Amino acid sequence: MARRFSSQCLRERRTAASLKTEELALRIGRTAASVYALEKGYFLPSVTVLAALADALNCSVDDLFADEPQPAQLVA
C-alpha cells in the first residue's frame, strides 16, 4: 500500500501539540497561509518543509504520512 503526505495528519499533530497555525508557521519559517494551505491539501510540502514540520512537531516525517486508500475494483 502506498503512503502519501496527509494534511489531516499534519493538522492532528499541530492541534495535539497545542499550536496555532501562526505558531507552527513561525517555527518552520513559513507563513500562516502556507501552513493553512498544507492543512487544506492545496499543495504538497517540499522535503525541506516536511523535515521542518516534523522537527517542530516532535515527530518523524513518516508520522505526517498516511496509507493511500486502494481504489475500488470492479468485479465482472
C-alpha atoms as a PDB file:
ATOM      1  CA  MET A   1       0.000   0.000   0.000  1.00  0.00           C
ATOM      2  CA  ALA A   2       1.335   3.412  -0.936  1.00  0.00           C
ATOM      3  CA  ARG A   3       1.815   6.178   1.615  1.00  0.00           C
ATOM      4  CA  ARG A   4       1.484   9.878   0.938  1.00  0.00           C
ATOM      5  CA  PHE A   5       1.558  13.174   2.807  1.00  0.00           C
ATOM      6  CA  SER A   6      -1.621  13.634   4.828  1.00  0.00           C
ATOM      7  CA  SER A   7      -2.966  17.108   5.502  1.00  0.00           C
ATOM      8  CA  GLN A   8      -5.176  15.540   8.170  1.00  0.00           C
ATOM      9  CA  CYS A   9      -2.145  14.057   9.964  1.00  0.00           C
ATOM     10  CA  LEU A  10      -0.479  17.475   9.907  1.00  0.00           C
ATOM     11  CA  ARG A  11      -3.499  19.179  11.426  1.00  0.00           C
ATOM     12  CA  GLU A  12      -3.907  16.465  14.070  1.00  0.00           C
ATOM     13  CA  ARG A  13      -0.225  16.743  15.055  1.00  0.00           C
ATOM     14  CA  ARG A  14      -0.426  20.540  15.231  1.00  0.00           C
ATOM     15  CA  THR A  15      -3.534  20.559  17.395  1.00  0.00           C
ATOM     16  CA  ALA A  16      -2.150  17.786  19.641  1.00  0.00           C
ATOM     17  CA  ALA A  17       0.907  19.993  20.190  1.00  0.00           C
ATOM     18  CA  SER A  18      -1.457  22.859  21.130  1.00  0.00           C
ATOM     19  CA  LEU A  19      -0.012  25.062  18.400  1.00  0.00           C
ATOM     20  CA  LYS A  20      -1.900  27.657  16.426  1.00  0.00           C
ATOM     21  CA  THR A  21      -1.304  27.824  12.689  1.00  0.00           C
ATOM     22  CA  GLU A  22       0.696  31.022  13.183  1.00  0.00           C
ATOM     23  CA  GLU A  23       2.917  29.429  15.850  1.00  0.00           C
ATOM     24  CA  LEU A  24       3.756  26.448  13.653  1.00  0.00           C
ATOM     25  CA  ALA A  25       4.467  28.780  10.752  1.00  0.00           C
ATOM     26  CA  LEU A  26       6.962  30.749  12.865  1.00  0.00           C
ATOM     27  CA  ARG A  27       8.705  27.533  13.914  1.00  0.00           C
ATOM     28  CA  ILE A  28       9.192  26.379  10.328  1.00  0.00           C
ATOM     29  CA  GLY A  29       9.953  29.775   8.806  1.00  0.00           C
ATOM     30  CA  ARG A  30       6.864  29.936   6.626  1.00  0.00           C
ATOM     31  CA  THR A  31       3.675  31.991   6.601  1.00  0.00           C
ATOM     32  CA  ALA A  32       0.492  31.005   8.378  1.00  0.00           C
ATOM     33  CA  ALA A  33      -1.173  30.987   4.955  1.00  0.00           C
ATOM     34  CA  SER A  34       1.222  28.298   3.723  1.00  0.00           C
ATOM     35  CA  VAL A  35       0.563  26.111   6.787  1.00  0.00           C
ATOM     36  CA  TYR A  36      -3.174  26.615   6.257  1.00  0.00           C
ATOM     37  CA  ALA A  37      -2.809  25.616   2.598  1.00  0.00           C
ATOM     38  CA  LEU A  38      -0.900  22.467   3.578  1.00  0.00           C
ATOM     39  CA  GLU A  39      -3.596  21.528   6.089  1.00  0.00           C
ATOM     40  CA  LYS A  40      -6.279  22.035   3.452  1.00  0.00           C
ATOM     41  CA  GLY A  41      -4.372  19.875   0.983  1.00  0.00           C
ATOM     42  CA  TYR A  42      -3.943  22.663  -1.569  1.00  0.00           C
ATOM     43  CA  PHE A  43      -0.331  21.637  -2.211  1.00  0.00           C
ATOM     44  CA  LEU A  44       2.307  19.169  -1.057  1.00  0.00           C
ATOM     45  CA  PRO A  45       5.273  20.228   1.086  1.00  0.00           C
ATOM     46  CA  SER A  46       8.857  20.036  -0.140  1.00  0.00           C
ATOM     47  CA  VAL A  47      11.277  17.678   1.578  1.00  0.00           C
ATOM     48  CA  THR A  48      12.766  20.672   3.413  1.00  0.00           C
ATOM     49  CA  VAL A  49       9.361  21.763   4.714  1.00  0.00           C
ATOM     50  CA  LEU A  50       8.498  18.175   5.694  1.00  0.00           C
ATOM     51  CA  ALA A  51      11.671  17.962   7.770  1.00  0.00           C
ATOM     52  CA  ALA A  52      10.930  21.327   9.411  1.00  0.00           C
ATOM     53  CA  LEU A  53       7.351  20.276  10.197  1.00  0.00           C
ATOM     54  CA  ALA A  54       8.495  17.005  11.758  1.00  0.00           C
ATOM     55  CA  ASP A  55      11.097  18.836  13.844  1.00  0.00           C
ATOM     56  CA  ALA A  56       8.616  21.490  15.009  1.00  0.00           C
ATOM     57  CA  LEU A  57       6.013  18.861  15.891  1.00  0.00           C
ATOM     58  CA  ASN A  58       8.470  16.437  17.530  1.00  0.00           C
ATOM     59  CA  CYS A  59       7.544  13.595  15.224  1.00  0.00           C
ATOM     60  CA  SER A  60       9.050  11.709  12.325  1.00  0.00           C
ATOM     61  CA  VAL A  61       8.417  12.647   8.715  1.00  0.00           C
ATOM     62  CA  ASP A  62       6.646   9.291   8.375  1.00  0.00           C
ATOM     63  CA  ASP A  63       4.145  10.422  11.038  1.00  0.00           C
ATOM     64  CA  LEU A  64       2.945  13.052   8.559  1.00  0.00           C
ATOM     65  CA  PHE A  65       2.085  10.381   6.008  1.00  0.00           C
ATOM     66  CA  ALA A  66      -0.903   8.037   5.792  1.00  0.00           C
ATOM     67  CA  ASP A  67      -1.754   4.965   3.776  1.00  0.00           C
ATOM     68  CA  GLU A  68      -3.290   5.822   0.456  1.00  0.00           C
ATOM     69  CA  PRO A  69      -6.696   4.179   0.053  1.00  0.00           C
ATOM     70  CA  GLN A  70      -6.856   1.414  -2.501  1.00  0.00           C
ATOM     71  CA  PRO A  71      -9.071   2.229  -5.488  1.00  0.00           C
ATOM     72  CA  ALA A  72     -12.245   0.216  -5.723  1.00  0.00           C
ATOM     73  CA  GLN A  73     -12.029  -2.697  -8.103  1.00  0.00           C
ATOM     74  CA  LEU A  74     -14.832  -3.659 -10.388  1.00  0.00           C
ATOM     75  CA  VAL A  75     -15.979  -7.236 -10.291  1.00  0.00           C
ATOM     76  CA  ALA A  76     -17.037  -8.602 -13.651  1.00  0.00           C
END
